[in-house]
Amino acid sequence: MDSISIFTTAIEFEKKIRDLYMTAVSIIDDDRGKAIFTTLANEEQSHIDFLEYSIEVLKSNGKISHEQLKTALPDTDTIQKNIADMKSQIPEHMLGDIKKVLSTALQLEVDTTEYYQQACNAAQGDIRSILGKFVEIEQRHTDIVRYELDYASNNGFWFDLPEKDMEEGW
């Protein structure tokens, strides 16, 4: 698959998840939840903008760089270091229908990350580095959504880690 086709398909992935996040902003009545989904929707829109710009550059035989691809989200190590603070900021009343949105978002983020990873594995040169950067950014999105879903689900896990030791008893 050529780079333009890869980017065109990527735009469809990005639009789906952006639209879900924009819908979530209108559903959630909690300011923190709105802020998270607004940030994620804006991130996805910036991906769409970058991909559309990149297609135009590629059509004119120009060169694109992953340096132009930015994210406002912290890396996974930073997220894990701040889990306790993040958890304390999630209000209980936010957790109702949010689980449905988060479950859908998680699947879309996983699917998008997998698409970028497969495309990256098949690509070469500058396009490979751009797709690799997308993999990194989409993994951050996946991590953020997963930790929110873990907490909302109250399933005994927080960011894929058990909240309590099974041997100590609950």
N, C-alpha and C. Protein backbone atom coordinates (compact mmCIF):
# COMPACT_ATOMS: atom_id res chain seq x y z
N MET A 1 0.86 -1.18 0.00
CA MET A 1 0.00 0.00 0.00
C MET A 1 0.91 1.24 0.00
N ASP A 2 0.58 2.22 -0.83
CA ASP A 2 1.41 3.42 -0.87
C ASP A 2 1.08 4.35 0.30
N SER A 3 1.93 5.33 0.52
CA SER A 3 1.81 6.23 1.67
C SER A 3 0.49 6.99 1.67
N ILE A 4 0.06 7.45 0.51
CA ILE A 4 -1.20 8.20 0.44
C ILE A 4 -2.37 7.31 0.84
N SER A 5 -2.37 6.07 0.40
CA SER A 5 -3.44 5.13 0.79
C SER A 5 -3.39 4.84 2.29
N ILE A 6 -2.20 4.69 2.83
CA ILE A 6 -2.05 4.45 4.28
C ILE A 6 -2.62 5.63 5.04
N PHE A 7 -2.28 6.85 4.63
CA PHE A 7 -2.75 8.04 5.33
C PHE A 7 -4.25 8.23 5.15
N THR A 8 -4.78 7.92 3.98
CA THR A 8 -6.21 8.05 3.73
C THR A 8 -7.00 7.11 4.66
N THR A 9 -6.53 5.89 4.78
CA THR A 9 -7.19 4.94 5.70
C THR A 9 -7.04 5.40 7.15
N ALA A 10 -5.87 5.92 7.49
CA ALA A 10 -5.64 6.41 8.85
C ALA A 10 -6.60 7.54 9.21
N ILE A 11 -6.92 8.39 8.24
CA ILE A 11 -7.86 9.48 8.49
C ILE A 11 -9.22 8.92 8.91
N GLU A 12 -9.65 7.83 8.30
CA GLU A 12 -10.93 7.23 8.68
C GLU A 12 -10.90 6.72 10.13
N PHE A 13 -9.81 6.09 10.53
CA PHE A 13 -9.66 5.66 11.93
C PHE A 13 -9.73 6.87 12.86
N GLU A 14 -9.00 7.90 12.51
CA GLU A 14 -8.92 9.09 13.36
C GLU A 14 -10.28 9.79 13.46
N LYS A 15 -11.03 9.84 12.37
CA LYS A 15 -12.34 10.49 12.40
C LYS A 15 -13.32 9.73 13.30
N LYS A 16 -13.27 8.41 13.25
CA LYS A 16 -14.18 7.61 14.10
C LYS A 16 -13.95 7.91 15.57
N ILE A 17 -12.69 7.88 15.98
CA ILE A 17 -12.41 8.08 17.40
C ILE A 17 -12.63 9.54 17.80
N ARG A 18 -12.31 10.48 16.90
CA ARG A 18 -12.57 11.90 17.19
C ARG A 18 -14.07 12.12 17.41
N ASP A 19 -14.89 11.56 16.53
CA ASP A 19 -16.33 11.73 16.65
C ASP A 19 -16.86 11.13 17.94
N LEU A 20 -16.32 9.99 18.34
CA LEU A 20 -16.74 9.39 19.61
C LEU A 20 -16.40 10.32 20.77
N TYR A 21 -15.20 10.86 20.78
CA TYR A 21 -14.80 11.76 21.86
C TYR A 21 -15.64 13.03 21.87
N MET A 22 -15.97 13.55 20.71
CA MET A 22 -16.81 14.75 20.64
C MET A 22 -18.22 14.46 21.17
N THR A 23 -18.72 13.28 20.87
CA THR A 23 -20.03 12.88 21.41
C THR A 23 -19.96 12.75 22.92
N ALA A 24 -18.86 12.17 23.42
CA ALA A 24 -18.69 12.00 24.87
C ALA A 24 -18.70 13.35 25.58
N VAL A 25 -18.11 14.36 24.98
CA VAL A 25 -18.09 15.69 25.59
C VAL A 25 -19.52 16.18 25.82
N SER A 26 -20.42 15.89 24.90
CA SER A 26 -21.80 16.34 25.06
C SER A 26 -22.60 15.48 26.03
N ILE A 27 -22.13 14.26 26.29
CA ILE A 27 -22.83 13.35 27.19
C ILE A 27 -22.42 13.55 28.65
N ILE A 28 -21.15 13.77 28.88
CA ILE A 28 -20.60 13.83 30.23
C ILE A 28 -20.93 15.17 30.86
N ASP A 29 -21.40 15.13 32.11
CA ASP A 29 -21.72 16.38 32.78
C ASP A 29 -20.63 16.81 33.76
N ASP A 30 -19.56 16.05 33.86
CA ASP A 30 -18.46 16.35 34.75
C ASP A 30 -17.39 17.15 34.01
N ASP A 31 -16.92 18.23 34.61
CA ASP A 31 -15.92 19.08 33.96
C ASP A 31 -14.63 18.33 33.66
N ARG A 32 -14.20 17.45 34.56
CA ARG A 32 -12.98 16.69 34.34
C ARG A 32 -13.14 15.75 33.15
N GLY A 33 -14.28 15.06 33.10
CA GLY A 33 -14.56 14.16 31.98
C GLY A 33 -14.61 14.91 30.66
N LYS A 34 -15.29 16.07 30.68
CA LYS A 34 -15.35 16.89 29.46
C LYS A 34 -13.94 17.30 29.02
N ALA A 35 -13.10 17.67 29.98
CA ALA A 35 -11.74 18.10 29.65
C ALA A 35 -10.93 16.97 29.04
N ILE A 36 -11.06 15.76 29.59
CA ILE A 36 -10.33 14.61 29.05
C ILE A 36 -10.78 14.33 27.62
N PHE A 37 -12.09 14.24 27.41
CA PHE A 37 -12.60 13.92 26.08
C PHE A 37 -12.35 15.05 25.08
N THR A 38 -12.38 16.30 25.55
CA THR A 38 -12.06 17.42 24.66
C THR A 38 -10.60 17.34 24.22
N THR A 39 -9.72 17.06 25.17
CA THR A 39 -8.29 16.93 24.84
C THR A 39 -8.08 15.80 23.84
N LEU A 40 -8.71 14.67 24.09
CA LEU A 40 -8.55 13.54 23.17
C LEU A 40 -9.15 13.85 21.78
N ALA A 41 -10.30 14.51 21.74
CA ALA A 41 -10.90 14.88 20.46
C ALA A 41 -9.98 15.85 19.71
N ASN A 42 -9.41 16.80 20.43
CA ASN A 42 -8.49 17.76 19.80
C ASN A 42 -7.24 17.05 19.28
N GLU A 43 -6.75 16.08 20.04
CA GLU A 43 -5.59 15.30 19.60
C GLU A 43 -5.90 14.58 18.29
N GLU A 44 -7.05 13.93 18.25
CA GLU A 44 -7.42 13.19 17.05
C GLU A 44 -7.61 14.14 15.87
N GLN A 45 -8.19 15.33 16.11
CA GLN A 45 -8.34 16.30 15.04
C GLN A 45 -6.98 16.76 14.53
N SER A 46 -6.02 16.92 15.43
CA SER A 46 -4.68 17.32 14.98
C SER A 46 -4.04 16.23 14.13
N HIS A 47 -4.36 14.97 14.42
CA HIS A 47 -3.87 13.86 13.59
C HIS A 47 -4.49 13.94 12.20
N ILE A 48 -5.78 14.21 12.14
CA ILE A 48 -6.47 14.33 10.86
C ILE A 48 -5.85 15.47 10.05
N ASP A 49 -5.64 16.60 10.72
CA ASP A 49 -5.03 17.75 10.03
C ASP A 49 -3.65 17.39 9.50
N PHE A 50 -2.84 16.72 10.31
CA PHE A 50 -1.50 16.34 9.90
C PHE A 50 -1.55 15.37 8.72
N LEU A 51 -2.43 14.40 8.79
CA LEU A 51 -2.54 13.41 7.72
C LEU A 51 -3.02 14.07 6.42
N GLU A 52 -4.01 14.94 6.50
CA GLU A 52 -4.49 15.63 5.31
C GLU A 52 -3.40 16.50 4.70
N TYR A 53 -2.68 17.23 5.55
CA TYR A 53 -1.56 18.04 5.08
C TYR A 53 -0.50 17.14 4.43
N SER A 54 -0.20 16.03 5.06
CA SER A 54 0.82 15.11 4.56
C SER A 54 0.45 14.54 3.19
N ILE A 55 -0.81 14.23 3.00
CA ILE A 55 -1.26 13.73 1.70
C ILE A 55 -1.01 14.78 0.62
N GLU A 56 -1.33 16.02 0.91
CA GLU A 56 -1.10 17.09 -0.07
C GLU A 56 0.39 17.25 -0.36
N VAL A 57 1.22 17.17 0.67
CA VAL A 57 2.67 17.28 0.48
C VAL A 57 3.17 16.12 -0.38
N LEU A 58 2.69 14.91 -0.08
CA LEU A 58 3.13 13.74 -0.84
C LEU A 58 2.68 13.82 -2.30
N LYS A 59 1.50 14.36 -2.53
CA LYS A 59 1.01 14.50 -3.91
C LYS A 59 1.88 15.45 -4.72
N SER A 60 2.48 16.40 -4.04
CA SER A 60 3.35 17.35 -4.74
C SER A 60 4.83 16.95 -4.63
N ASN A 61 5.03 15.67 -4.28
CA ASN A 61 6.38 15.10 -4.15
C ASN A 61 7.23 15.79 -3.11
N GLY A 62 6.59 16.39 -2.12
CA GLY A 62 7.31 17.02 -1.03
C GLY A 62 7.70 16.01 0.03
N LYS A 63 8.34 16.50 1.05
CA LYS A 63 8.82 15.64 2.13
C LYS A 63 8.12 16.03 3.42
N ILE A 64 7.68 15.03 4.18
CA ILE A 64 7.05 15.27 5.47
C ILE A 64 7.95 14.71 6.56
N SER A 65 7.75 15.22 7.76
CA SER A 65 8.59 14.79 8.88
C SER A 65 7.74 14.53 10.11
N HIS A 66 8.14 13.54 10.88
CA HIS A 66 7.43 13.22 12.12
C HIS A 66 7.63 14.32 13.16
N GLU A 67 8.57 15.22 12.95
CA GLU A 67 8.81 16.33 13.88
C GLU A 67 7.59 17.23 14.00
N GLN A 68 6.77 17.27 12.96
CA GLN A 68 5.57 18.10 12.97
C GLN A 68 4.43 17.47 13.75
N LEU A 69 4.56 16.21 14.08
CA LEU A 69 3.51 15.46 14.77
C LEU A 69 3.74 15.57 16.28
N LYS A 70 2.84 16.25 16.97
CA LYS A 70 2.98 16.53 18.40
C LYS A 70 1.81 15.92 19.17
N THR A 71 2.01 15.80 20.50
CA THR A 71 0.93 15.36 21.38
C THR A 71 1.00 16.16 22.67
N ALA A 72 -0.18 16.40 23.24
CA ALA A 72 -0.26 17.10 24.52
C ALA A 72 -0.28 16.11 25.69
N LEU A 73 -0.37 14.83 25.39
CA LEU A 73 -0.50 13.82 26.43
C LEU A 73 0.86 13.35 26.92
N PRO A 74 0.96 13.09 28.21
CA PRO A 74 2.23 12.61 28.76
C PRO A 74 2.51 11.18 28.31
N ASP A 75 3.78 10.78 28.41
CA ASP A 75 4.13 9.41 28.07
C ASP A 75 3.66 8.46 29.16
N THR A 76 3.69 7.16 28.86
CA THR A 76 3.17 6.15 29.78
C THR A 76 3.88 6.15 31.12
N ASP A 77 5.18 6.35 31.14
CA ASP A 77 5.92 6.39 32.41
C ASP A 77 5.42 7.53 33.29
N THR A 78 5.20 8.69 32.71
CA THR A 78 4.69 9.82 33.47
C THR A 78 3.29 9.54 33.99
N ILE A 79 2.46 8.95 33.16
CA ILE A 79 1.10 8.59 33.59
C ILE A 79 1.17 7.65 34.79
N GLN A 80 1.99 6.62 34.70
CA GLN A 80 2.08 5.64 35.79
C GLN A 80 2.61 6.28 37.08
N LYS A 81 3.51 7.24 36.98
CA LYS A 81 4.04 7.92 38.17
C LYS A 81 2.98 8.75 38.86
N ASN A 82 1.97 9.18 38.11
CA ASN A 82 0.95 10.08 38.64
C ASN A 82 -0.41 9.41 38.83
N ILE A 83 -0.43 8.09 38.87
CA ILE A 83 -1.70 7.36 38.96
C ILE A 83 -2.51 7.75 40.20
N ALA A 84 -1.88 7.83 41.36
CA ALA A 84 -2.62 8.13 42.59
C ALA A 84 -3.32 9.48 42.50
N ASP A 85 -2.61 10.49 42.02
CA ASP A 85 -3.23 11.81 41.88
C ASP A 85 -4.37 11.78 40.88
N MET A 86 -4.15 11.10 39.77
CA MET A 86 -5.17 11.02 38.74
C MET A 86 -6.42 10.33 39.27
N LYS A 87 -6.22 9.26 40.02
CA LYS A 87 -7.35 8.49 40.55
C LYS A 87 -8.18 9.34 41.52
N SER A 88 -7.51 10.12 42.34
CA SER A 88 -8.23 10.92 43.33
C SER A 88 -9.04 12.03 42.68
N GLN A 89 -8.75 12.36 41.43
CA GLN A 89 -9.45 13.44 40.75
C GLN A 89 -10.69 12.98 40.00
N ILE A 90 -10.95 11.68 39.97
CA ILE A 90 -12.11 11.18 39.23
C ILE A 90 -13.32 11.14 40.16
N PRO A 91 -14.30 11.98 39.94
CA PRO A 91 -15.49 11.97 40.80
C PRO A 91 -16.35 10.73 40.57
N GLU A 92 -16.92 10.22 41.63
CA GLU A 92 -17.74 9.01 41.55
C GLU A 92 -18.91 9.17 40.59
N HIS A 93 -19.54 10.35 40.56
CA HIS A 93 -20.74 10.52 39.73
C HIS A 93 -20.44 10.49 38.24
N MET A 94 -19.18 10.50 37.88
CA MET A 94 -18.82 10.49 36.46
C MET A 94 -18.87 9.08 35.87
N LEU A 95 -19.05 8.08 36.67
CA LEU A 95 -18.77 6.72 36.23
C LEU A 95 -19.95 5.97 35.61
N GLY A 96 -21.13 6.55 35.52
CA GLY A 96 -22.29 5.85 34.97
C GLY A 96 -22.12 5.38 33.54
N ASP A 97 -22.71 6.09 32.60
CA ASP A 97 -22.66 5.71 31.19
C ASP A 97 -21.27 5.86 30.58
N ILE A 98 -20.39 6.45 31.33
CA ILE A 98 -19.03 6.66 30.83
C ILE A 98 -18.36 5.34 30.47
N LYS A 99 -18.74 4.27 31.16
CA LYS A 99 -18.11 2.96 30.88
C LYS A 99 -18.36 2.52 29.44
N LYS A 100 -19.55 2.79 28.92
CA LYS A 100 -19.86 2.43 27.54
C LYS A 100 -18.99 3.22 26.57
N VAL A 101 -18.89 4.52 26.82
CA VAL A 101 -18.07 5.37 25.96
C VAL A 101 -16.61 4.92 26.02
N LEU A 102 -16.12 4.68 27.24
CA LEU A 102 -14.73 4.28 27.41
C LEU A 102 -14.44 2.92 26.78
N SER A 103 -15.37 1.99 26.89
CA SER A 103 -15.17 0.68 26.28
C SER A 103 -15.07 0.80 24.76
N THR A 104 -15.95 1.59 24.18
CA THR A 104 -15.89 1.81 22.74
C THR A 104 -14.61 2.53 22.36
N ALA A 105 -14.26 3.55 23.13
CA ALA A 105 -13.04 4.31 22.85
C ALA A 105 -11.81 3.42 22.94
N LEU A 106 -11.77 2.56 23.94
CA LEU A 106 -10.62 1.67 24.10
C LEU A 106 -10.47 0.78 22.88
N GLN A 107 -11.56 0.20 22.41
CA GLN A 107 -11.47 -0.67 21.24
C GLN A 107 -11.02 0.11 20.01
N LEU A 108 -11.55 1.32 19.83
CA LEU A 108 -11.14 2.13 18.69
C LEU A 108 -9.67 2.54 18.78
N GLU A 109 -9.20 2.86 19.98
CA GLU A 109 -7.79 3.22 20.16
C GLU A 109 -6.89 2.02 19.89
N VAL A 110 -7.28 0.85 20.37
CA VAL A 110 -6.50 -0.37 20.13
C VAL A 110 -6.46 -0.65 18.63
N ASP A 111 -7.61 -0.58 17.98
CA ASP A 111 -7.67 -0.82 16.53
C ASP A 111 -6.79 0.17 15.76
N THR A 112 -6.86 1.43 16.15
CA THR A 112 -6.07 2.46 15.48
C THR A 112 -4.57 2.22 15.70
N THR A 113 -4.20 1.90 16.91
CA THR A 113 -2.79 1.61 17.22
C THR A 113 -2.30 0.42 16.40
N GLU A 114 -3.12 -0.62 16.33
CA GLU A 114 -2.75 -1.81 15.56
C GLU A 114 -2.61 -1.47 14.07
N TYR A 115 -3.49 -0.62 13.55
CA TYR A 115 -3.38 -0.23 12.16
C TYR A 115 -2.05 0.48 11.91
N TYR A 116 -1.75 1.45 12.76
CA TYR A 116 -0.49 2.17 12.59
C TYR A 116 0.72 1.24 12.73
N GLN A 117 0.65 0.29 13.66
CA GLN A 117 1.77 -0.63 13.85
C GLN A 117 1.98 -1.51 12.61
N GLN A 118 0.90 -2.03 12.07
CA GLN A 118 1.01 -2.85 10.86
C GLN A 118 1.53 -2.03 9.68
N ALA A 119 1.03 -0.81 9.53
CA ALA A 119 1.49 0.05 8.45
C ALA A 119 2.96 0.41 8.64
N CYS A 120 3.35 0.65 9.88
CA CYS A 120 4.75 0.98 10.19
C CYS A 120 5.66 -0.19 9.84
N ASN A 121 5.25 -1.39 10.20
CA ASN A 121 6.05 -2.58 9.91
C ASN A 121 6.26 -2.77 8.41
N ALA A 122 5.31 -2.34 7.61
CA ALA A 122 5.40 -2.53 6.16
C ALA A 122 6.06 -1.35 5.44
N ALA A 123 6.21 -0.23 6.13
CA ALA A 123 6.72 0.99 5.50
C ALA A 123 8.23 1.09 5.61
N GLN A 124 8.76 2.05 4.87
CA GLN A 124 10.20 2.32 4.91
C GLN A 124 10.43 3.82 4.93
N GLY A 125 11.63 4.22 5.33
CA GLY A 125 12.05 5.61 5.25
C GLY A 125 11.28 6.54 6.16
N ASP A 126 11.05 7.76 5.66
CA ASP A 126 10.39 8.80 6.45
C ASP A 126 8.99 8.40 6.87
N ILE A 127 8.28 7.72 5.99
CA ILE A 127 6.91 7.31 6.31
C ILE A 127 6.92 6.36 7.51
N ARG A 128 7.89 5.48 7.57
CA ARG A 128 8.00 4.55 8.70
C ARG A 128 8.18 5.32 10.01
N SER A 129 9.01 6.36 10.02
CA SER A 129 9.21 7.12 11.26
C SER A 129 7.94 7.88 11.65
N ILE A 130 7.20 8.36 10.67
CA ILE A 130 5.94 9.05 10.95
C ILE A 130 4.93 8.07 11.54
N LEU A 131 4.82 6.91 10.93
CA LEU A 131 3.88 5.90 11.45
C LEU A 131 4.31 5.42 12.83
N GLY A 132 5.61 5.31 13.06
CA GLY A 132 6.11 4.93 14.38
C GLY A 132 5.72 5.96 15.44
N LYS A 133 5.77 7.23 15.08
CA LYS A 133 5.35 8.30 15.99
C LYS A 133 3.86 8.19 16.28
N PHE A 134 3.07 7.87 15.24
CA PHE A 134 1.64 7.66 15.46
C PHE A 134 1.40 6.49 16.41
N VAL A 135 2.15 5.42 16.28
CA VAL A 135 2.01 4.27 17.19
C VAL A 135 2.23 4.73 18.62
N GLU A 136 3.29 5.49 18.84
CA GLU A 136 3.62 5.98 20.18
C GLU A 136 2.50 6.85 20.75
N ILE A 137 1.99 7.77 19.95
CA ILE A 137 0.93 8.67 20.42
C ILE A 137 -0.36 7.90 20.67
N GLU A 138 -0.74 7.02 19.75
CA GLU A 138 -1.98 6.26 19.93
C GLU A 138 -1.89 5.33 21.14
N GLN A 139 -0.71 4.84 21.45
CA GLN A 139 -0.55 4.01 22.65
C GLN A 139 -0.80 4.85 23.90
N ARG A 140 -0.39 6.10 23.89
CA ARG A 140 -0.69 6.99 25.03
C ARG A 140 -2.20 7.16 25.18
N HIS A 141 -2.89 7.35 24.05
CA HIS A 141 -4.35 7.46 24.11
C HIS A 141 -4.95 6.18 24.69
N THR A 142 -4.47 5.05 24.23
CA THR A 142 -4.97 3.76 24.72
C THR A 142 -4.75 3.66 26.23
N ASP A 143 -3.59 4.05 26.69
CA ASP A 143 -3.28 3.98 28.12
C ASP A 143 -4.21 4.87 28.94
N ILE A 144 -4.44 6.09 28.47
CA ILE A 144 -5.32 7.02 29.19
C ILE A 144 -6.74 6.45 29.27
N VAL A 145 -7.25 5.97 28.15
CA VAL A 145 -8.60 5.42 28.13
C VAL A 145 -8.68 4.17 29.01
N ARG A 146 -7.66 3.33 28.96
CA ARG A 146 -7.66 2.11 29.76
C ARG A 146 -7.68 2.42 31.26
N TYR A 147 -6.88 3.39 31.70
CA TYR A 147 -6.88 3.67 33.13
C TYR A 147 -8.21 4.26 33.57
N GLU A 148 -8.82 5.08 32.74
CA GLU A 148 -10.15 5.62 33.09
C GLU A 148 -11.18 4.50 33.15
N LEU A 149 -11.13 3.58 32.20
CA LEU A 149 -12.08 2.48 32.16
C LEU A 149 -11.87 1.54 33.35
N ASP A 150 -10.63 1.24 33.69
CA ASP A 150 -10.34 0.39 34.85
C ASP A 150 -10.98 0.97 36.10
N TYR A 151 -10.82 2.27 36.29
CA TYR A 151 -11.39 2.90 37.47
C TYR A 151 -12.91 2.91 37.42
N ALA A 152 -13.46 3.27 36.28
CA ALA A 152 -14.92 3.34 36.13
C ALA A 152 -15.57 1.98 36.32
N SER A 153 -14.87 0.93 35.93
CA SER A 153 -15.42 -0.43 36.02
C SER A 153 -15.30 -1.01 37.41
N ASN A 154 -14.45 -0.41 38.23
CA ASN A 154 -14.25 -0.89 39.60
C ASN A 154 -14.01 -2.40 39.60
N ASN A 155 -13.10 -2.84 38.73
CA ASN A 155 -12.86 -4.27 38.57
C ASN A 155 -11.66 -4.78 39.35
N GLY A 156 -11.15 -3.96 40.27
CA GLY A 156 -10.01 -4.38 41.06
C GLY A 156 -8.68 -4.08 40.41
N PHE A 157 -8.72 -3.48 39.22
CA PHE A 157 -7.48 -3.13 38.53
C PHE A 157 -7.45 -1.62 38.31
N TRP A 158 -6.27 -1.11 38.34
CA TRP A 158 -6.03 0.29 38.05
C TRP A 158 -4.83 0.34 37.13
N PHE A 159 -5.08 0.74 35.89
CA PHE A 159 -4.04 0.81 34.88
C PHE A 159 -3.36 -0.54 34.73
N ASP A 160 -4.18 -1.58 34.64
CA ASP A 160 -3.74 -2.96 34.45
C ASP A 160 -2.98 -3.54 35.64
N LEU A 161 -2.99 -2.86 36.78
CA LEU A 161 -2.33 -3.36 37.98
C LEU A 161 -3.39 -3.64 39.03
N PRO A 162 -3.27 -4.77 39.78
CA PRO A 162 -4.26 -5.03 40.82
C PRO A 162 -4.19 -3.94 41.89
N GLU A 163 -5.38 -3.46 42.30
CA GLU A 163 -5.41 -2.42 43.32
C GLU A 163 -5.10 -3.00 44.69
N LYS A 164 -5.43 -4.27 44.90
CA LYS A 164 -5.20 -4.91 46.18
C LYS A 164 -4.56 -6.26 45.93
N ASP A 165 -3.75 -6.66 46.85
CA ASP A 165 -3.09 -7.95 46.75
C ASP A 165 -4.10 -9.04 47.06
N MET A 166 -4.24 -10.00 46.16
CA MET A 166 -5.21 -11.08 46.34
C MET A 166 -4.94 -11.89 47.60
N GLU A 167 -3.68 -12.03 47.98
CA GLU A 167 -3.34 -12.83 49.15
C GLU A 167 -3.71 -12.10 50.43
N GLU A 168 -3.77 -10.80 50.43
CA GLU A 168 -4.13 -10.05 51.61
C GLU A 168 -5.62 -10.07 51.85
N GLY A 169 -6.35 -10.45 50.86
CA GLY A 169 -7.81 -10.43 50.96
C GLY A 169 -8.34 -9.06 50.64
N TRP A 170 -9.55 -8.98 50.33
CA TRP A 170 -10.14 -7.70 49.92
C TRP A 170 -10.76 -7.07 51.13
